Amino acid sequence: KGQLYVKLNRATKLTDKDLFGKSDPFIEMWLEKAYKQRSKDTKGLNPIFDQTFCFYVRPGQNKLYIRAVDKDTFRNDKIGD
């Protein structure tokens, strides 16, 4: 039981999933059985986020999941885990 602070600085060399090369990446993070947190939207394949997230950790939560996603109008594309 406690708090976990995660500092998200930047991502580099993300895969381009858009047809026109205009990626809008964001990052999703979550602990097992917990609320998902999301970074702000950015532009480009080497985005700078400069955000800090706080997770309240409960017993049994021992994995932090992180996923990069490209925001699209109709469907978001997973870039990587």
PDB file of N, CA and C in Angstrom:
ATOM      1  N   LYS A   1       0.850  -1.180   0.000  1.00  0.00           N
ATOM      2  CA  LYS A   1       0.000   0.000   0.000  1.00  0.00           C
ATOM      3  C   LYS A   1       0.889   1.233   0.000  1.00  0.00           C
ATOM      4  N   GLY A   2       0.578   2.167  -0.883  1.00  0.00           N
ATOM      5  CA  GLY A   2       1.377   3.383  -0.960  1.00  0.00           C
ATOM      6  C   GLY A   2       1.115   4.115  -2.255  1.00  0.00           C
ATOM      7  N   GLN A   3       2.038   4.999  -2.586  1.00  0.00           N
ATOM      8  CA  GLN A   3       1.922   5.784  -3.809  1.00  0.00           C
ATOM      9  C   GLN A   3       3.112   5.515  -4.715  1.00  0.00           C
ATOM     10  N   LEU A   4       2.848   5.498  -6.017  1.00  0.00           N
ATOM     11  CA  LEU A   4       3.886   5.349  -7.028  1.00  0.00           C
ATOM     12  C   LEU A   4       3.798   6.557  -7.943  1.00  0.00           C
ATOM     13  N   TYR A   5       4.908   7.289  -8.035  1.00  0.00           N
ATOM     14  CA  TYR A   5       4.969   8.432  -8.935  1.00  0.00           C
ATOM     15  C   TYR A   5       5.754   8.030 -10.178  1.00  0.00           C
ATOM     16  N   VAL A   6       5.192   8.337 -11.341  1.00  0.00           N
ATOM     17  CA  VAL A   6       5.834   8.008 -12.610  1.00  0.00           C
ATOM     18  C   VAL A   6       6.033   9.310 -13.383  1.00  0.00           C
ATOM     19  N   LYS A   7       7.282   9.580 -13.747  1.00  0.00           N
ATOM     20  CA  LYS A   7       7.611  10.766 -14.538  1.00  0.00           C
ATOM     21  C   LYS A   7       7.740  10.338 -15.999  1.00  0.00           C
ATOM     22  N   LEU A   8       6.898  10.875 -16.848  1.00  0.00           N
ATOM     23  CA  LEU A   8       6.915  10.590 -18.283  1.00  0.00           C
ATOM     24  C   LEU A   8       7.571  11.771 -18.986  1.00  0.00           C
ATOM     25  N   ASN A   9       8.785  11.566 -19.458  1.00  0.00           N
ATOM     26  CA  ASN A   9       9.527  12.651 -20.098  1.00  0.00           C
ATOM     27  C   ASN A   9       9.233  12.744 -21.587  1.00  0.00           C
ATOM     28  N   ARG A  10       9.580  11.682 -22.311  1.00  0.00           N
ATOM     29  CA  ARG A  10       9.442  11.718 -23.763  1.00  0.00           C
ATOM     30  C   ARG A  10       9.379  10.310 -24.327  1.00  0.00           C
ATOM     31  N   ALA A  11       9.038  10.232 -25.577  1.00  0.00           N
ATOM     32  CA  ALA A  11       9.106   8.978 -26.324  1.00  0.00           C
ATOM     33  C   ALA A  11       9.936   9.272 -27.572  1.00  0.00           C
ATOM     34  N   THR A  12      10.665   8.269 -28.041  1.00  0.00           N
ATOM     35  CA  THR A  12      11.491   8.483 -29.228  1.00  0.00           C
ATOM     36  C   THR A  12      11.262   7.371 -30.249  1.00  0.00           C
ATOM     37  N   LYS A  13      11.361   7.751 -31.490  1.00  0.00           N
ATOM     38  CA  LYS A  13      11.278   6.822 -32.625  1.00  0.00           C
ATOM     39  C   LYS A  13      10.012   5.970 -32.619  1.00  0.00           C
ATOM     40  N   LEU A  14       8.870   6.605 -32.339  1.00  0.00           N
ATOM     41  CA  LEU A  14       7.605   5.874 -32.384  1.00  0.00           C
ATOM     42  C   LEU A  14       7.283   5.477 -33.824  1.00  0.00           C
ATOM     43  N   THR A  15       6.579   4.390 -33.985  1.00  0.00           N
ATOM     44  CA  THR A  15       6.172   3.916 -35.304  1.00  0.00           C
ATOM     45  C   THR A  15       5.059   4.795 -35.851  1.00  0.00           C
ATOM     46  N   ASP A  16       5.168   5.176 -37.103  1.00  0.00           N
ATOM     47  CA  ASP A  16       4.149   6.006 -37.746  1.00  0.00           C
ATOM     48  C   ASP A  16       2.988   5.113 -38.182  1.00  0.00           C
ATOM     49  N   LYS A  17       1.821   5.313 -37.590  1.00  0.00           N
ATOM     50  CA  LYS A  17       0.643   4.505 -37.913  1.00  0.00           C
ATOM     51  C   LYS A  17      -0.360   5.252 -38.787  1.00  0.00           C
ATOM     52  N   ASP A  18      -0.109   6.544 -39.040  1.00  0.00           N
ATOM     53  CA  ASP A  18      -1.040   7.335 -39.850  1.00  0.00           C
ATOM     54  C   ASP A  18      -0.677   7.271 -41.329  1.00  0.00           C
ATOM     55  N   LEU A  19      -1.691   7.320 -42.168  1.00  0.00           N
ATOM     56  CA  LEU A  19      -1.475   7.297 -43.614  1.00  0.00           C
ATOM     57  C   LEU A  19      -0.759   8.543 -44.111  1.00  0.00           C
ATOM     58  N   PHE A  20      -1.007   9.670 -43.461  1.00  0.00           N
ATOM     59  CA  PHE A  20      -0.466  10.932 -43.927  1.00  0.00           C
ATOM     60  C   PHE A  20       0.697  11.431 -43.077  1.00  0.00           C
ATOM     61  N   GLY A  21       1.221  10.597 -42.179  1.00  0.00           N
ATOM     62  CA  GLY A  21       2.393  10.941 -41.401  1.00  0.00           C
ATOM     63  C   GLY A  21       2.165  11.989 -40.326  1.00  0.00           C
ATOM     64  N   LYS A  22       0.950  12.113 -39.842  1.00  0.00           N
ATOM     65  CA  LYS A  22       0.645  13.105 -38.813  1.00  0.00           C
ATOM     66  C   LYS A  22       0.216  12.407 -37.534  1.00  0.00           C
ATOM     67  N   SER A  23       1.137  11.747 -36.882  1.00  0.00           N
ATOM     68  CA  SER A  23       0.822  11.001 -35.663  1.00  0.00           C
ATOM     69  C   SER A  23       0.464  11.934 -34.519  1.00  0.00           C
ATOM     70  N   ASP A  24      -0.486  11.495 -33.711  1.00  0.00           N
ATOM     71  CA  ASP A  24      -0.928  12.216 -32.516  1.00  0.00           C
ATOM     72  C   ASP A  24      -0.811  11.258 -31.328  1.00  0.00           C
ATOM     73  N   PRO A  25       0.417  10.959 -30.883  1.00  0.00           N
ATOM     74  CA  PRO A  25       0.581   9.939 -29.849  1.00  0.00           C
ATOM     75  C   PRO A  25       0.197  10.424 -28.448  1.00  0.00           C
ATOM     76  N   PHE A  26      -0.277   9.480 -27.663  1.00  0.00           N
ATOM     77  CA  PHE A  26      -0.454   9.690 -26.228  1.00  0.00           C
ATOM     78  C   PHE A  26      -0.088   8.392 -25.530  1.00  0.00           C
ATOM     79  N   ILE A  27       0.099   8.452 -24.236  1.00  0.00           N
ATOM     80  CA  ILE A  27       0.521   7.304 -23.446  1.00  0.00           C
ATOM     81  C   ILE A  27      -0.569   6.949 -22.441  1.00  0.00           C
ATOM     82  N   GLU A  28      -0.882   5.659 -22.348  1.00  0.00           N
ATOM     83  CA  GLU A  28      -1.792   5.150 -21.321  1.00  0.00           C
ATOM     84  C   GLU A  28      -0.962   4.366 -20.316  1.00  0.00           C
ATOM     85  N   MET A  29      -1.264   4.547 -19.031  1.00  0.00           N
ATOM     86  CA  MET A  29      -0.589   3.804 -17.966  1.00  0.00           C
ATOM     87  C   MET A  29      -1.630   3.338 -16.965  1.00  0.00           C
ATOM     88  N   TRP A  30      -1.439   2.121 -16.431  1.00  0.00           N
ATOM     89  CA  TRP A  30      -2.344   1.632 -15.405  1.00  0.00           C
ATOM     90  C   TRP A  30      -1.679   0.520 -14.611  1.00  0.00           C
ATOM     91  N   LEU A  31      -2.141   0.354 -13.387  1.00  0.00           N
ATOM     92  CA  LEU A  31      -1.761  -0.768 -12.536  1.00  0.00           C
ATOM     93  C   LEU A  31      -2.827  -1.840 -12.671  1.00  0.00           C
ATOM     94  N   GLU A  32      -2.500  -3.060 -12.293  1.00  0.00           N
ATOM     95  CA  GLU A  32      -3.502  -4.127 -12.317  1.00  0.00           C
ATOM     96  C   GLU A  32      -4.727  -3.704 -11.520  1.00  0.00           C
ATOM     97  N   LYS A  33      -5.901  -3.922 -12.097  1.00  0.00           N
ATOM     98  CA  LYS A  33      -7.178  -3.640 -11.430  1.00  0.00           C
ATOM     99  C   LYS A  33      -7.283  -2.193 -10.964  1.00  0.00           C
ATOM    100  N   ALA A  34      -6.791  -1.272 -11.764  1.00  0.00           N
ATOM    101  CA  ALA A  34      -6.824   0.134 -11.348  1.00  0.00           C
ATOM    102  C   ALA A  34      -7.246   1.024 -12.508  1.00  0.00           C
ATOM    103  N   TYR A  35      -7.576   2.244 -12.175  1.00  0.00           N
ATOM    104  CA  TYR A  35      -7.970   3.263 -13.141  1.00  0.00           C
ATOM    105  C   TYR A  35      -6.815   3.585 -14.080  1.00  0.00           C
ATOM    106  N   LYS A  36      -7.107   3.696 -15.350  1.00  0.00           N
ATOM    107  CA  LYS A  36      -6.105   4.020 -16.365  1.00  0.00           C
ATOM    108  C   LYS A  36      -5.883   5.525 -16.402  1.00  0.00           C
ATOM    109  N   GLN A  37      -4.626   5.927 -16.501  1.00  0.00           N
ATOM    110  CA  GLN A  37      -4.298   7.335 -16.648  1.00  0.00           C
ATOM    111  C   GLN A  37      -3.739   7.563 -18.044  1.00  0.00           C
ATOM    112  N   ARG A  38      -3.937   8.769 -18.549  1.00  0.00           N
ATOM    113  CA  ARG A  38      -3.600   9.074 -19.932  1.00  0.00           C
ATOM    114  C   ARG A  38      -2.824  10.378 -20.002  1.00  0.00           C
ATOM    115  N   SER A  39      -1.794  10.398 -20.848  1.00  0.00           N
ATOM    116  CA  SER A  39      -1.021  11.621 -21.039  1.00  0.00           C
ATOM    117  C   SER A  39      -1.789  12.596 -21.929  1.00  0.00           C
ATOM    118  N   LYS A  40      -1.272  13.803 -22.013  1.00  0.00           N
ATOM    119  CA  LYS A  40      -1.840  14.771 -22.953  1.00  0.00           C
ATOM    120  C   LYS A  40      -1.506  14.338 -24.380  1.00  0.00           C
ATOM    121  N   ASP A  41      -2.291  14.796 -25.328  1.00  0.00           N
ATOM    122  CA  ASP A  41      -2.027  14.510 -26.741  1.00  0.00           C
ATOM    123  C   ASP A  41      -0.820  15.330 -27.202  1.00  0.00           C
ATOM    124  N   THR A  42      -0.028  14.745 -28.077  1.00  0.00           N
ATOM    125  CA  THR A  42       1.125  15.441 -28.632  1.00  0.00           C
ATOM    126  C   THR A  42       1.131  15.254 -30.142  1.00  0.00           C
ATOM    127  N   LYS A  43       2.132  15.777 -30.777  1.00  0.00           N
ATOM    128  CA  LYS A  43       2.298  15.637 -32.233  1.00  0.00           C
ATOM    129  C   LYS A  43       3.676  15.062 -32.518  1.00  0.00           C
ATOM    130  N   GLY A  44       3.780  14.263 -33.574  1.00  0.00           N
ATOM    131  CA  GLY A  44       5.062  13.776 -34.049  1.00  0.00           C
ATOM    132  C   GLY A  44       5.465  12.427 -33.476  1.00  0.00           C
ATOM    133  N   LEU A  45       6.605  11.913 -33.946  1.00  0.00           N
ATOM    134  CA  LEU A  45       7.076  10.587 -33.577  1.00  0.00           C
ATOM    135  C   LEU A  45       8.115  10.613 -32.458  1.00  0.00           C
ATOM    136  N   ASN A  46       8.486  11.795 -31.977  1.00  0.00           N
ATOM    137  CA  ASN A  46       9.422  11.955 -30.857  1.00  0.00           C
ATOM    138  C   ASN A  46       8.841  12.963 -29.859  1.00  0.00           C
ATOM    139  N   PRO A  47       7.661  12.668 -29.309  1.00  0.00           N
ATOM    140  CA  PRO A  47       6.969  13.659 -28.479  1.00  0.00           C
ATOM    141  C   PRO A  47       7.620  13.871 -27.113  1.00  0.00           C
ATOM    142  N   ILE A  48       7.482  15.081 -26.605  1.00  0.00           N
ATOM    143  CA  ILE A  48       7.900  15.413 -25.243  1.00  0.00           C
ATOM    144  C   ILE A  48       6.623  15.590 -24.425  1.00  0.00           C
ATOM    145  N   PHE A  49       6.481  14.812 -23.363  1.00  0.00           N
ATOM    146  CA  PHE A  49       5.281  14.851 -22.534  1.00  0.00           C
ATOM    147  C   PHE A  49       5.488  15.700 -21.284  1.00  0.00           C
ATOM    148  N   ASP A  50       6.589  15.475 -20.578  1.00  0.00           N
ATOM    149  CA  ASP A  50       6.920  16.210 -19.354  1.00  0.00           C
ATOM    150  C   ASP A  50       5.741  16.230 -18.375  1.00  0.00           C
ATOM    151  N   GLN A  51       5.274  15.028 -17.981  1.00  0.00           N
ATOM    152  CA  GLN A  51       4.151  14.883 -17.062  1.00  0.00           C
ATOM    153  C   GLN A  51       4.512  13.903 -15.952  1.00  0.00           C
ATOM    154  N   THR A  52       3.916  14.095 -14.791  1.00  0.00           N
ATOM    155  CA  THR A  52       4.080  13.172 -13.666  1.00  0.00           C
ATOM    156  C   THR A  52       2.711  12.627 -13.292  1.00  0.00           C
ATOM    157  N   PHE A  53       2.654  11.316 -13.054  1.00  0.00           N
ATOM    158  CA  PHE A  53       1.417  10.639 -12.688  1.00  0.00           C
ATOM    159  C   PHE A  53       1.581  10.023 -11.306  1.00  0.00           C
ATOM    160  N   CYS A  54       0.513  10.010 -10.538  1.00  0.00           N
ATOM    161  CA  CYS A  54       0.524   9.392  -9.216  1.00  0.00           C
ATOM    162  C   CYS A  54      -0.485   8.249  -9.199  1.00  0.00           C
ATOM    163  N   PHE A  55      -0.011   7.070  -8.826  1.00  0.00           N
ATOM    164  CA  PHE A  55      -0.867   5.895  -8.691  1.00  0.00           C
ATOM    165  C   PHE A  55      -0.934   5.505  -7.218  1.00  0.00           C
ATOM    166  N   TYR A  56      -2.106   5.184  -6.744  1.00  0.00           N
ATOM    167  CA  TYR A  56      -2.279   4.675  -5.388  1.00  0.00           C
ATOM    168  C   TYR A  56      -2.237   3.153  -5.470  1.00  0.00           C
ATOM    169  N   VAL A  57      -1.196   2.578  -4.895  1.00  0.00           N
ATOM    170  CA  VAL A  57      -0.935   1.152  -5.018  1.00  0.00           C
ATOM    171  C   VAL A  57      -1.590   0.397  -3.861  1.00  0.00           C
ATOM    172  N   ARG A  58      -2.309  -0.666  -4.221  1.00  0.00           N
ATOM    173  CA  ARG A  58      -2.948  -1.540  -3.230  1.00  0.00           C
ATOM    174  C   ARG A  58      -2.238  -2.890  -3.233  1.00  0.00           C
ATOM    175  N   PRO A  59      -2.403  -3.665  -2.195  1.00  0.00           N
ATOM    176  CA  PRO A  59      -1.784  -4.991  -2.170  1.00  0.00           C
ATOM    177  C   PRO A  59      -2.181  -5.801  -3.409  1.00  0.00           C
ATOM    178  N   GLY A  60      -1.220  -6.487  -3.996  1.00  0.00           N
ATOM    179  CA  GLY A  60      -1.471  -7.298  -5.179  1.00  0.00           C
ATOM    180  C   GLY A  60      -1.226  -6.572  -6.488  1.00  0.00           C
ATOM    181  N   GLN A  61      -1.073  -5.268  -6.436  1.00  0.00           N
ATOM    182  CA  GLN A  61      -0.791  -4.506  -7.651  1.00  0.00           C
ATOM    183  C   GLN A  61       0.726  -4.384  -7.793  1.00  0.00           C
ATOM    184  N   ASN A  62       1.312  -5.235  -8.613  1.00  0.00           N
ATOM    185  CA  ASN A  62       2.763  -5.216  -8.724  1.00  0.00           C
ATOM    186  C   ASN A  62       3.250  -5.024 -10.160  1.00  0.00           C
ATOM    187  N   LYS A  63       2.363  -4.661 -11.073  1.00  0.00           N
ATOM    188  CA  LYS A  63       2.755  -4.408 -12.460  1.00  0.00           C
ATOM    189  C   LYS A  63       2.196  -3.065 -12.928  1.00  0.00           C
ATOM    190  N   LEU A  64       3.053  -2.306 -13.559  1.00  0.00           N
ATOM    191  CA  LEU A  64       2.638  -1.066 -14.205  1.00  0.00           C
ATOM    192  C   LEU A  64       2.651  -1.310 -15.703  1.00  0.00           C
ATOM    193  N   TYR A  65       1.538  -1.087 -16.353  1.00  0.00           N
ATOM    194  CA  TYR A  65       1.408  -1.269 -17.795  1.00  0.00           C
ATOM    195  C   TYR A  65       1.516   0.094 -18.472  1.00  0.00           C
ATOM    196  N   ILE A  66       2.255   0.135 -19.571  1.00  0.00           N
ATOM    197  CA  ILE A  66       2.434   1.373 -20.327  1.00  0.00           C
ATOM    198  C   ILE A  66       2.221   1.064 -21.801  1.00  0.00           C
ATOM    199  N   ARG A  67       1.420   1.884 -22.446  1.00  0.00           N
ATOM    200  CA  ARG A  67       1.107   1.664 -23.868  1.00  0.00           C
ATOM    201  C   ARG A  67       1.145   3.005 -24.601  1.00  0.00           C
ATOM    202  N   ALA A  68       1.803   3.028 -25.753  1.00  0.00           N
ATOM    203  CA  ALA A  68       1.787   4.200 -26.628  1.00  0.00           C
ATOM    204  C   ALA A  68       0.685   3.998 -27.661  1.00  0.00           C
ATOM    205  N   VAL A  69      -0.117   5.035 -27.861  1.00  0.00           N
ATOM    206  CA  VAL A  69      -1.276   4.953 -28.748  1.00  0.00           C
ATOM    207  C   VAL A  69      -1.285   6.172 -29.669  1.00  0.00           C
ATOM    208  N   ASP A  70      -1.678   5.961 -30.918  1.00  0.00           N
ATOM    209  CA  ASP A  70      -1.842   7.051 -31.866  1.00  0.00           C
ATOM    210  C   ASP A  70      -3.325   7.391 -31.941  1.00  0.00           C
ATOM    211  N   LYS A  71      -3.652   8.628 -31.625  1.00  0.00           N
ATOM    212  CA  LYS A  71      -5.054   9.064 -31.625  1.00  0.00           C
ATOM    213  C   LYS A  71      -5.521   9.285 -33.064  1.00  0.00           C
ATOM    214  N   ASP A  72      -6.647   8.676 -33.391  1.00  0.00           N
ATOM    215  CA  ASP A  72      -7.273   8.854 -34.693  1.00  0.00           C
ATOM    216  C   ASP A  72      -8.739   9.212 -34.510  1.00  0.00           C
ATOM    217  N   THR A  73      -9.338   9.727 -35.555  1.00  0.00           N
ATOM    218  CA  THR A  73     -10.738  10.153 -35.488  1.00  0.00           C
ATOM    219  C   THR A  73     -11.683   8.987 -35.222  1.00  0.00           C
ATOM    220  N   PHE A  74     -11.496   7.875 -35.913  1.00  0.00           N
ATOM    221  CA  PHE A  74     -12.447   6.769 -35.791  1.00  0.00           C
ATOM    222  C   PHE A  74     -11.959   5.647 -34.901  1.00  0.00           C
ATOM    223  N   ARG A  75     -10.640   5.410 -34.877  1.00  0.00           N
ATOM    224  CA  ARG A  75     -10.108   4.316 -34.072  1.00  0.00           C
ATOM    225  C   ARG A  75      -8.660   4.633 -33.718  1.00  0.00           C
ATOM    226  N   ASN A  76      -8.310   4.492 -32.429  1.00  0.00           N
ATOM    227  CA  ASN A  76      -6.931   4.709 -31.998  1.00  0.00           C
ATOM    228  C   ASN A  76      -6.099   3.474 -32.331  1.00  0.00           C
ATOM    229  N   ASP A  77      -4.850   3.686 -32.747  1.00  0.00           N
ATOM    230  CA  ASP A  77      -3.944   2.608 -33.103  1.00  0.00           C
ATOM    231  C   ASP A  77      -2.885   2.424 -32.029  1.00  0.00           C
ATOM    232  N   LYS A  78      -2.692   1.190 -31.600  1.00  0.00           N
ATOM    233  CA  LYS A  78      -1.644   0.896 -30.640  1.00  0.00           C
ATOM    234  C   LYS A  78      -0.300   0.985 -31.347  1.00  0.00           C
ATOM    235  N   ILE A  79       0.620   1.759 -30.763  1.00  0.00           N
ATOM    236  CA  ILE A  79       1.962   1.893 -31.318  1.00  0.00           C
ATOM    237  C   ILE A  79       2.901   0.889 -30.651  1.00  0.00           C
ATOM    238  N   GLY A  80       2.749   0.693 -29.353  1.00  0.00           N
ATOM    239  CA  GLY A  80       3.619  -0.240 -28.648  1.00  0.00           C
ATOM    240  C   GLY A  80       3.290  -0.312 -27.169  1.00  0.00           C
ATOM    241  N   ASP A  81       3.838  -1.345 -26.521  1.00  0.00           N
ATOM    242  CA  ASP A  81       3.658  -1.542 -25.075  1.00  0.00           C
ATOM    243  C   ASP A  81       4.987  -1.311 -24.379  1.00  0.00           C
TER     244      ASP A  81
END
